[in-house]
Amino acid sequence: MRIIAGKFRGRTLKGPPSLEVRPTSDRLRETLFNVIAPRIAGTRFLDLCAGSGAVGIEALSRNASHVTFVDQSRKMCALIKSNLDLCRIEQAQSEIVQSDGHDFLRRRLGKKPDSIHPWDVVYFDPPYADDYLAIIETFGAHRSRLLSGNGLLIVEHYYKNQLLDSAGSIIRSRILRQGDSALSFYQLAE
């Protein structure tokens, strides 16, 4: 895995030690960032089910202001830290949280509203066998507390997985397919 563009371009990241973790391919990451490039600079980015952290590090390479990495595996969190160190990314630009994605969001929503800063871009990439519904519905029900006004939730999934077209206040505005993977883009319903 390598960083495709930006200030860390060409850096090779360490990959997961197990075949049980499916990292986002370089090609799919390139497609993703070609689409969202105009909105990355200065954003708060959440890499949910982060694995190696490649997507969030790519966002930092392209001038995201801060990335929160969330993964339930202690080994993956250590790998993210190692990859951040490899790129010499300052601690102030990132946060690593070891947690299940839904538990992380539930704890965050339990905080006082004025202490929560919503994300501009959220990338959600769970294992393909996982249930996506709870996370998508959580974002739909609490969009204003989790996503900024023009925020974007991007869900990577197996292309045959049928996801919701809408949930609460968000709608799926776009689907991109590449190989066996697809990216569903959710934003505020107009």
C-alpha atoms as a PDB file:
ATOM      1  CA  MET A   1       0.000   0.000   0.000  1.00  0.00           C
ATOM      2  CA  ARG A   2       1.285   3.419  -0.895  1.00  0.00           C
ATOM      3  CA  ILE A   3       0.171   7.020  -0.479  1.00  0.00           C
ATOM      4  CA  ILE A   4      -1.068   8.186  -3.870  1.00  0.00           C
ATOM      5  CA  ALA A   5      -0.816  11.984  -3.717  1.00  0.00           C
ATOM      6  CA  GLY A   6      -0.050  14.959  -1.524  1.00  0.00           C
ATOM      7  CA  LYS A   7       2.803  15.653   0.854  1.00  0.00           C
ATOM      8  CA  PHE A   8       3.352  11.948   1.712  1.00  0.00           C
ATOM      9  CA  ARG A   9       3.061  10.784  -1.911  1.00  0.00           C
ATOM     10  CA  GLY A  10       4.902   7.563  -2.671  1.00  0.00           C
ATOM     11  CA  ARG A  11       5.374   6.498   0.961  1.00  0.00           C
ATOM     12  CA  THR A  12       4.785   2.790   1.421  1.00  0.00           C
ATOM     13  CA  LEU A  13       2.602   1.900   4.401  1.00  0.00           C
ATOM     14  CA  LYS A  14       2.748  -1.261   6.450  1.00  0.00           C
ATOM     15  CA  GLY A  15      -0.114  -3.620   5.696  1.00  0.00           C
ATOM     16  CA  PRO A  16      -2.184  -5.774   8.010  1.00  0.00           C
ATOM     17  CA  PRO A  17      -0.448  -8.963   9.174  1.00  0.00           C
ATOM     18  CA  SER A  18      -3.570 -11.048   8.573  1.00  0.00           C
ATOM     19  CA  LEU A  19      -5.572 -11.856   5.478  1.00  0.00           C
ATOM     20  CA  GLU A  20      -8.715 -11.369   7.607  1.00  0.00           C
ATOM     21  CA  VAL A  21      -8.342  -7.593   7.151  1.00  0.00           C
ATOM     22  CA  ARG A  22      -9.153  -6.308   3.651  1.00  0.00           C
ATOM     23  CA  PRO A  23      -7.392  -2.998   3.049  1.00  0.00           C
ATOM     24  CA  THR A  24      -8.869  -0.532   0.581  1.00  0.00           C
ATOM     25  CA  SER A  25      -6.912  -1.019  -2.634  1.00  0.00           C
ATOM     26  CA  ASP A  26      -4.682   1.732  -3.999  1.00  0.00           C
ATOM     27  CA  ARG A  27      -6.895   1.921  -7.072  1.00  0.00           C
ATOM     28  CA  LEU A  28     -10.127   2.333  -5.093  1.00  0.00           C
ATOM     29  CA  ARG A  29      -8.463   4.922  -2.828  1.00  0.00           C
ATOM     30  CA  GLU A  30      -7.336   6.828  -5.908  1.00  0.00           C
ATOM     31  CA  THR A  31     -10.894   6.784  -7.303  1.00  0.00           C
ATOM     32  CA  LEU A  32     -12.287   7.919  -3.950  1.00  0.00           C
ATOM     33  CA  PHE A  33      -9.887  10.848  -3.634  1.00  0.00           C
ATOM     34  CA  ASN A  34     -10.378  11.882  -7.269  1.00  0.00           C
ATOM     35  CA  VAL A  35     -14.053  12.370  -6.377  1.00  0.00           C
ATOM     36  CA  ILE A  36     -13.636  14.083  -2.995  1.00  0.00           C
ATOM     37  CA  ALA A  37     -10.362  15.974  -3.610  1.00  0.00           C
ATOM     38  CA  PRO A  38     -11.993  19.434  -3.765  1.00  0.00           C
ATOM     39  CA  ARG A  39     -13.434  19.040  -0.274  1.00  0.00           C
ATOM     40  CA  ILE A  40     -10.452  17.520   1.610  1.00  0.00           C
ATOM     41  CA  ALA A  41      -8.228  20.505   2.469  1.00  0.00           C
ATOM     42  CA  GLY A  42      -8.906  21.737   5.996  1.00  0.00           C
ATOM     43  CA  THR A  43     -11.515  19.065   6.790  1.00  0.00           C
ATOM     44  CA  ARG A  44     -12.158  16.997   9.884  1.00  0.00           C
ATOM     45  CA  PHE A  45     -12.102  13.386   8.640  1.00  0.00           C
ATOM     46  CA  LEU A  46     -13.280  10.190  10.364  1.00  0.00           C
ATOM     47  CA  ASP A  47     -11.805   6.863   9.222  1.00  0.00           C
ATOM     48  CA  LEU A  48     -14.281   4.403  10.774  1.00  0.00           C
ATOM     49  CA  CYS A  49     -13.124   0.743  10.787  1.00  0.00           C
ATOM     50  CA  ALA A  50      -9.754   2.158   9.762  1.00  0.00           C
ATOM     51  CA  GLY A  51      -7.675  -1.033   9.448  1.00  0.00           C
ATOM     52  CA  SER A  52      -4.172   0.132   8.445  1.00  0.00           C
ATOM     53  CA  GLY A  53      -5.253   3.786   8.391  1.00  0.00           C
ATOM     54  CA  ALA A  54      -4.386   4.183   4.687  1.00  0.00           C
ATOM     55  CA  VAL A  55      -7.539   6.165   3.819  1.00  0.00           C
ATOM     56  CA  GLY A  56      -7.154   8.604   6.712  1.00  0.00           C
ATOM     57  CA  ILE A  57      -3.422   9.019   6.057  1.00  0.00           C
ATOM     58  CA  GLU A  58      -4.221   9.746   2.403  1.00  0.00           C
ATOM     59  CA  ALA A  59      -6.613  12.465   3.651  1.00  0.00           C
ATOM     60  CA  LEU A  60      -3.852  13.946   5.840  1.00  0.00           C
ATOM     61  CA  SER A  61      -1.467  13.810   2.895  1.00  0.00           C
ATOM     62  CA  ARG A  62      -3.985  15.930   0.979  1.00  0.00           C
ATOM     63  CA  ASN A  63      -4.214  18.516   3.797  1.00  0.00           C
ATOM     64  CA  ALA A  64      -7.124  17.350   5.944  1.00  0.00           C
ATOM     65  CA  SER A  65      -6.753  19.259   9.218  1.00  0.00           C
ATOM     66  CA  HIS A  66      -7.494  16.307  11.513  1.00  0.00           C
ATOM     67  CA  VAL A  67      -8.277  12.596  11.171  1.00  0.00           C
ATOM     68  CA  THR A  68      -9.865  10.371  13.803  1.00  0.00           C
ATOM     69  CA  PHE A  69      -9.020   6.702  13.228  1.00  0.00           C
ATOM     70  CA  VAL A  70     -11.369   4.154  14.824  1.00  0.00           C
ATOM     71  CA  ASP A  71     -10.800   0.397  14.796  1.00  0.00           C
ATOM     72  CA  GLN A  72     -11.839  -2.282  17.281  1.00  0.00           C
ATOM     73  CA  SER A  73      -8.585  -4.253  16.957  1.00  0.00           C
ATOM     74  CA  ARG A  74      -5.671  -3.360  19.218  1.00  0.00           C
ATOM     75  CA  LYS A  75      -3.293  -4.711  16.537  1.00  0.00           C
ATOM     76  CA  MET A  76      -4.813  -2.468  13.860  1.00  0.00           C
ATOM     77  CA  CYS A  77      -4.588   0.579  16.155  1.00  0.00           C
ATOM     78  CA  ALA A  78      -0.890  -0.204  16.687  1.00  0.00           C
ATOM     79  CA  LEU A  79      -0.465  -0.537  12.901  1.00  0.00           C
ATOM     80  CA  ILE A  80      -2.149   2.862  12.363  1.00  0.00           C
ATOM     81  CA  LYS A  81       0.228   4.435  14.903  1.00  0.00           C
ATOM     82  CA  SER A  82       3.187   2.816  13.157  1.00  0.00           C
ATOM     83  CA  ASN A  83       2.026   4.150   9.763  1.00  0.00           C
ATOM     84  CA  LEU A  84       1.480   7.645  11.193  1.00  0.00           C
ATOM     85  CA  ASP A  85       5.015   7.538  12.650  1.00  0.00           C
ATOM     86  CA  LEU A  86       6.373   6.310   9.309  1.00  0.00           C
ATOM     87  CA  CYS A  87       4.909   9.426   7.642  1.00  0.00           C
ATOM     88  CA  ARG A  88       6.020  11.651  10.556  1.00  0.00           C
ATOM     89  CA  ILE A  89       2.486  12.924  11.099  1.00  0.00           C
ATOM     90  CA  GLU A  90       2.140  15.179  14.127  1.00  0.00           C
ATOM     91  CA  GLN A  91       0.010  13.852  16.996  1.00  0.00           C
ATOM     92  CA  ALA A  92      -2.123  17.016  16.949  1.00  0.00           C
ATOM     93  CA  GLN A  93      -3.379  16.050  13.469  1.00  0.00           C
ATOM     94  CA  SER A  94      -4.729  12.656  14.435  1.00  0.00           C
ATOM     95  CA  GLU A  95      -6.437  10.589  17.090  1.00  0.00           C
ATOM     96  CA  ILE A  96      -6.576   6.789  17.293  1.00  0.00           C
ATOM     97  CA  VAL A  97      -9.502   5.203  19.136  1.00  0.00           C
ATOM     98  CA  GLN A  98      -9.779   1.486  19.810  1.00  0.00           C
ATOM     99  CA  SER A  99     -13.509   0.813  19.663  1.00  0.00           C
ATOM    100  CA  ASP A 100     -16.303  -0.823  17.765  1.00  0.00           C
ATOM    101  CA  GLY A 101     -17.700   1.769  15.327  1.00  0.00           C
ATOM    102  CA  HIS A 102     -21.241   1.788  16.717  1.00  0.00           C
ATOM    103  CA  ASP A 103     -20.025   2.012  20.337  1.00  0.00           C
ATOM    104  CA  PHE A 104     -17.737   4.899  19.378  1.00  0.00           C
ATOM    105  CA  LEU A 105     -20.631   6.845  17.823  1.00  0.00           C
ATOM    106  CA  ARG A 106     -22.957   6.061  20.752  1.00  0.00           C
ATOM    107  CA  ARG A 107     -20.370   7.383  23.267  1.00  0.00           C
ATOM    108  CA  ARG A 108     -19.837  10.463  21.141  1.00  0.00           C
ATOM    109  CA  LEU A 109     -23.569  11.172  20.959  1.00  0.00           C
ATOM    110  CA  GLY A 110     -23.726  10.837  24.754  1.00  0.00           C
ATOM    111  CA  LYS A 111     -21.511  13.922  25.152  1.00  0.00           C
ATOM    112  CA  LYS A 112     -22.883  17.430  25.535  1.00  0.00           C
ATOM    113  CA  PRO A 113     -23.860  18.816  22.110  1.00  0.00           C
ATOM    114  CA  ASP A 114     -21.632  21.891  22.439  1.00  0.00           C
ATOM    115  CA  SER A 115     -18.555  19.677  22.996  1.00  0.00           C
ATOM    116  CA  ILE A 116     -19.022  17.758  19.732  1.00  0.00           C
ATOM    117  CA  HIS A 117     -17.357  18.925  16.527  1.00  0.00           C
ATOM    118  CA  PRO A 118     -18.925  17.198  13.511  1.00  0.00           C
ATOM    119  CA  TRP A 119     -16.842  15.649  10.744  1.00  0.00           C
ATOM    120  CA  ASP A 120     -16.762  16.948   7.200  1.00  0.00           C
ATOM    121  CA  VAL A 121     -16.009  13.545   5.662  1.00  0.00           C
ATOM    122  CA  VAL A 122     -16.599  10.098   7.157  1.00  0.00           C
ATOM    123  CA  TYR A 123     -15.204   6.971   5.513  1.00  0.00           C
ATOM    124  CA  PHE A 124     -16.837   3.775   6.788  1.00  0.00           C
ATOM    125  CA  ASP A 125     -15.223   0.514   5.652  1.00  0.00           C
ATOM    126  CA  PRO A 126     -16.264  -2.439   7.827  1.00  0.00           C
ATOM    127  CA  PRO A 127     -15.623  -6.087   6.969  1.00  0.00           C
ATOM    128  CA  TYR A 128     -17.930  -6.892   4.049  1.00  0.00           C
ATOM    129  CA  ALA A 129     -19.831  -9.483   6.124  1.00  0.00           C
ATOM    130  CA  ASP A 130     -20.782  -6.888   8.782  1.00  0.00           C
ATOM    131  CA  ASP A 131     -24.145  -5.197   9.123  1.00  0.00           C
ATOM    132  CA  TYR A 132     -23.954  -1.653   7.744  1.00  0.00           C
ATOM    133  CA  LEU A 133     -27.496  -0.668   8.680  1.00  0.00           C
ATOM    134  CA  ALA A 134     -26.929   0.469  12.302  1.00  0.00           C
ATOM    135  CA  ILE A 135     -24.117   2.878  11.380  1.00  0.00           C
ATOM    136  CA  ILE A 136     -25.938   4.349   8.369  1.00  0.00           C
ATOM    137  CA  GLU A 137     -29.102   4.802  10.448  1.00  0.00           C
ATOM    138  CA  THR A 138     -27.119   6.433  13.270  1.00  0.00           C
ATOM    139  CA  PHE A 139     -25.732   9.002  10.828  1.00  0.00           C
ATOM    140  CA  GLY A 140     -29.216   9.557   9.372  1.00  0.00           C
ATOM    141  CA  ALA A 141     -30.791  10.067  12.792  1.00  0.00           C
ATOM    142  CA  HIS A 142     -28.017  12.301  14.192  1.00  0.00           C
ATOM    143  CA  ARG A 143     -26.580  13.888  11.058  1.00  0.00           C
ATOM    144  CA  SER A 144     -26.338  17.406  12.460  1.00  0.00           C
ATOM    145  CA  ARG A 145     -24.261  16.172  15.415  1.00  0.00           C
ATOM    146  CA  LEU A 146     -22.040  13.827  13.396  1.00  0.00           C
ATOM    147  CA  LEU A 147     -21.658  15.523  10.008  1.00  0.00           C
ATOM    148  CA  SER A 148     -21.072  19.164   9.153  1.00  0.00           C
ATOM    149  CA  GLY A 149     -23.627  21.031   7.021  1.00  0.00           C
ATOM    150  CA  ASN A 150     -22.310  19.747   3.703  1.00  0.00           C
ATOM    151  CA  GLY A 151     -20.722  16.648   5.263  1.00  0.00           C
ATOM    152  CA  LEU A 152     -20.340  13.389   3.411  1.00  0.00           C
ATOM    153  CA  LEU A 153     -20.617   9.785   4.634  1.00  0.00           C
ATOM    154  CA  ILE A 154     -18.860   7.363   2.282  1.00  0.00           C
ATOM    155  CA  VAL A 155     -19.451   3.643   2.745  1.00  0.00           C
ATOM    156  CA  GLU A 156     -17.206   1.036   1.121  1.00  0.00           C
ATOM    157  CA  HIS A 157     -19.039  -2.249   0.551  1.00  0.00           C
ATOM    158  CA  TYR A 158     -19.187  -5.382  -1.556  1.00  0.00           C
ATOM    159  CA  TYR A 159     -20.946  -4.330  -4.754  1.00  0.00           C
ATOM    160  CA  LYS A 160     -23.711  -6.932  -4.298  1.00  0.00           C
ATOM    161  CA  ASN A 161     -24.584  -5.674  -0.796  1.00  0.00           C
ATOM    162  CA  GLN A 162     -27.794  -3.694  -1.004  1.00  0.00           C
ATOM    163  CA  LEU A 163     -27.559  -0.594   1.169  1.00  0.00           C
ATOM    164  CA  LEU A 164     -30.270   1.881   2.093  1.00  0.00           C
ATOM    165  CA  ASP A 165     -31.014   4.667  -0.381  1.00  0.00           C
ATOM    166  CA  SER A 166     -31.971   6.921   2.523  1.00  0.00           C
ATOM    167  CA  ALA A 167     -31.935   6.927   6.297  1.00  0.00           C
ATOM    168  CA  GLY A 168     -33.341   9.763   8.384  1.00  0.00           C
ATOM    169  CA  SER A 169     -31.936  13.010   7.035  1.00  0.00           C
ATOM    170  CA  ILE A 170     -29.375  11.494   4.613  1.00  0.00           C
ATOM    171  CA  ILE A 171     -29.745  10.095   1.108  1.00  0.00           C
ATOM    172  CA  ARG A 172     -27.424   8.108  -1.091  1.00  0.00           C
ATOM    173  CA  SER A 173     -26.435  10.501  -3.850  1.00  0.00           C
ATOM    174  CA  ARG A 174     -23.939   8.384  -5.748  1.00  0.00           C
ATOM    175  CA  ILE A 175     -22.593   4.837  -6.120  1.00  0.00           C
ATOM    176  CA  LEU A 176     -19.220   4.056  -7.694  1.00  0.00           C
ATOM    177  CA  ARG A 177     -18.236   0.477  -8.459  1.00  0.00           C
ATOM    178  CA  GLN A 178     -14.709  -0.782  -8.973  1.00  0.00           C
ATOM    179  CA  GLY A 179     -14.107  -4.521  -9.192  1.00  0.00           C
ATOM    180  CA  ASP A 180     -15.898  -6.263  -6.309  1.00  0.00           C
ATOM    181  CA  SER A 181     -16.063  -3.052  -4.269  1.00  0.00           C
ATOM    182  CA  ALA A 182     -18.456  -0.144  -4.352  1.00  0.00           C
ATOM    183  CA  LEU A 183     -18.547   3.264  -2.707  1.00  0.00           C
ATOM    184  CA  SER A 184     -21.898   4.704  -1.621  1.00  0.00           C
ATOM    185  CA  PHE A 185     -21.939   8.467  -0.954  1.00  0.00           C
ATOM    186  CA  TYR A 186     -24.502   9.814   1.527  1.00  0.00           C
ATOM    187  CA  GLN A 187     -25.278  13.473   2.166  1.00  0.00           C
ATOM    188  CA  LEU A 188     -28.019  15.683   3.538  1.00  0.00           C
ATOM    189  CA  ALA A 189     -31.370  15.083   1.862  1.00  0.00           C
ATOM    190  CA  GLU A 190     -32.485  18.237   0.056  1.00  0.00           C
END
